[in-house]
């Protein structure tokens, strides 16, 4: 199997998973007439690698989102949470001072997990390279 096929297959699988999650979120988040009449705006924040699994990581993200007036509505799973705030919440310049974006929809994992991600990715690339090299040598 070539690298191109593997990459394309992975991209297709990722797109399918993303679409299934989007559909699931649509079904899980029906907004009542009351919610809309009261003037709430909603957003879903996604985290890489189950970033909301640990309560302290979830608390840290919620503390950051509180700067923008967002409050937790529900935790879908360890990778997605739904937040709400009054529509028209005034955005202050100070909201952006430390790099916080009140409209973000993704958040990254903690530093210790980043190192793990890099190590796993490097290992996977090394295995892919070795496998390709072995296949090339054997096919000669």
Protein backbone atom coordinates (compact mmCIF):
# COMPACT_ATOMS: atom_id res chain seq x y z
CA UNK A 1 0.00 0.00 0.00
CA UNK A 2 1.43 3.37 -0.93
CA UNK A 3 1.79 6.33 1.39
CA UNK A 4 -0.66 8.31 -0.76
CA UNK A 5 -3.39 5.68 -0.34
CA UNK A 6 -2.82 5.59 3.42
CA UNK A 7 -2.98 9.39 3.71
CA UNK A 8 -6.08 9.67 1.51
CA UNK A 9 -7.79 6.84 3.40
CA UNK A 10 -7.02 8.55 6.71
CA UNK A 11 -8.35 11.87 5.43
CA UNK A 12 -11.57 10.24 4.21
CA UNK A 13 -12.05 8.49 7.56
CA UNK A 14 -11.46 11.76 9.43
CA UNK A 15 -14.01 13.55 7.23
CA UNK A 16 -16.59 10.82 7.86
CA UNK A 17 -16.04 11.00 11.62
CA UNK A 18 -16.32 14.81 11.56
CA UNK A 19 -19.60 14.63 9.63
CA UNK A 20 -21.03 12.00 11.99
CA UNK A 21 -20.10 14.17 14.98
CA UNK A 22 -21.69 17.23 13.35
CA UNK A 23 -24.91 15.28 12.76
CA UNK A 24 -24.84 13.97 16.33
CA UNK A 25 -24.38 17.50 17.67
CA UNK A 26 -27.32 18.74 15.61
CA UNK A 27 -29.52 16.01 17.09
CA UNK A 28 -28.24 16.50 20.64
CA UNK A 29 -28.64 20.26 20.67
CA UNK A 30 -32.21 21.17 19.87
CA UNK A 31 -32.76 24.76 20.93
CA UNK A 32 -36.11 25.45 22.49
CA UNK A 33 -38.22 28.46 21.58
CA UNK A 34 -37.54 29.70 25.11
CA UNK A 35 -33.75 29.51 24.60
CA UNK A 36 -34.01 31.49 21.41
CA UNK A 37 -36.55 33.97 22.79
CA UNK A 38 -34.33 34.67 25.79
CA UNK A 39 -31.54 35.61 23.40
CA UNK A 40 -28.86 33.03 24.05
CA UNK A 41 -26.01 32.27 21.71
CA UNK A 42 -24.38 28.86 21.78
CA UNK A 43 -21.13 27.29 20.73
CA UNK A 44 -19.50 23.88 20.84
CA UNK A 45 -15.85 23.71 21.85
CA UNK A 46 -13.86 20.71 20.68
CA UNK A 47 -10.67 19.45 22.28
CA UNK A 48 -7.98 17.24 20.84
CA UNK A 49 -7.35 13.85 22.40
CA UNK A 50 -10.12 13.80 24.97
CA UNK A 51 -8.98 17.06 26.58
CA UNK A 52 -12.07 17.27 28.79
CA UNK A 53 -11.56 13.84 30.34
CA UNK A 54 -9.68 15.23 33.34
CA UNK A 55 -11.80 17.52 35.54
CA UNK A 56 -8.91 19.95 36.07
CA UNK A 57 -8.51 20.42 32.30
CA UNK A 58 -12.24 20.98 31.89
CA UNK A 59 -12.20 23.51 34.75
CA UNK A 60 -9.28 25.36 33.16
CA UNK A 61 -11.09 25.67 29.82
CA UNK A 62 -14.33 26.77 31.52
CA UNK A 63 -12.43 29.40 33.53
CA UNK A 64 -10.98 30.75 30.31
CA UNK A 65 -14.35 30.70 28.54
CA UNK A 66 -15.90 32.58 31.48
CA UNK A 67 -13.89 35.64 30.39
CA UNK A 68 -16.11 35.80 27.31
CA UNK A 69 -19.30 35.29 29.31
CA UNK A 70 -19.70 31.62 28.34
CA UNK A 71 -21.16 29.05 30.75
CA UNK A 72 -21.34 25.28 30.45
CA UNK A 73 -24.61 23.82 29.15
CA UNK A 74 -23.49 20.22 28.79
CA UNK A 75 -20.52 17.97 28.25
CA UNK A 76 -21.16 15.73 25.24
CA UNK A 77 -18.11 13.56 25.77
CA UNK A 78 -14.43 13.92 26.65
CA UNK A 79 -13.81 15.91 23.45
CA UNK A 80 -16.82 18.24 23.16
CA UNK A 81 -18.69 20.68 25.39
CA UNK A 82 -21.57 23.04 24.66
CA UNK A 83 -21.56 26.57 26.09
CA UNK A 84 -23.99 29.48 26.06
CA UNK A 85 -24.01 33.18 26.85
CA UNK A 86 -26.45 36.04 26.42
CA UNK A 87 -26.55 37.11 22.78
CA UNK A 88 -24.93 40.44 22.19
CA UNK A 89 -22.48 40.04 25.05
CA UNK A 90 -20.15 42.99 24.74
CA UNK A 91 -16.67 42.00 23.67
CA UNK A 92 -13.98 43.87 25.54
CA UNK A 93 -10.47 44.38 24.21
CA UNK A 94 -9.19 42.80 27.43
CA UNK A 95 -10.85 39.54 26.34
CA UNK A 96 -8.09 39.18 23.75
CA UNK A 97 -5.10 40.36 25.82
CA UNK A 98 -3.83 36.91 26.76
CA UNK A 99 -4.65 35.35 23.40
CA UNK A 100 -8.15 34.23 24.40
CA UNK A 101 -10.69 34.24 21.58
CA UNK A 102 -14.31 34.28 22.80
CA UNK A 103 -15.41 32.79 19.46
CA UNK A 104 -12.98 29.88 19.38
CA UNK A 105 -14.44 26.45 18.79
CA UNK A 106 -11.36 24.34 19.47
CA UNK A 107 -8.89 24.13 22.29
CA UNK A 108 -5.55 22.39 22.48
CA UNK A 109 -4.43 19.87 25.06
CA UNK A 110 -2.11 20.54 27.99
CA UNK A 111 1.66 20.64 27.56
CA UNK A 112 2.26 17.11 28.81
CA UNK A 113 -0.19 15.73 26.25
CA UNK A 114 1.39 17.75 23.44
CA UNK A 115 4.67 15.96 24.02
CA UNK A 116 2.86 12.63 23.88
CA UNK A 117 1.18 13.61 20.60
CA UNK A 118 4.51 14.59 19.05
CA UNK A 119 6.13 11.35 20.24
CA UNK A 120 3.29 9.23 18.83
CA UNK A 121 3.34 11.10 15.52
CA UNK A 122 7.12 10.76 15.23
CA UNK A 123 6.89 7.04 16.00
CA UNK A 124 4.14 6.55 13.43
CA UNK A 125 6.14 8.38 10.77
CA UNK A 126 9.23 6.32 11.59
CA UNK A 127 7.25 3.08 11.26
CA UNK A 128 5.73 4.26 7.99
CA UNK A 129 9.18 5.18 6.66
CA UNK A 130 10.70 1.86 7.74
CA UNK A 131 7.78 -0.09 6.26
CA UNK A 132 8.07 1.77 2.96
CA UNK A 133 11.84 1.21 2.86
CA UNK A 134 11.47 -2.52 3.58
CA UNK A 135 8.76 -2.85 0.91
CA UNK A 136 11.00 -1.06 -1.59
CA UNK A 137 14.01 -3.26 -0.77
CA UNK A 138 12.01 -6.51 -0.90
CA UNK A 139 10.36 -5.60 -4.21
CA UNK A 140 13.74 -5.17 -5.95
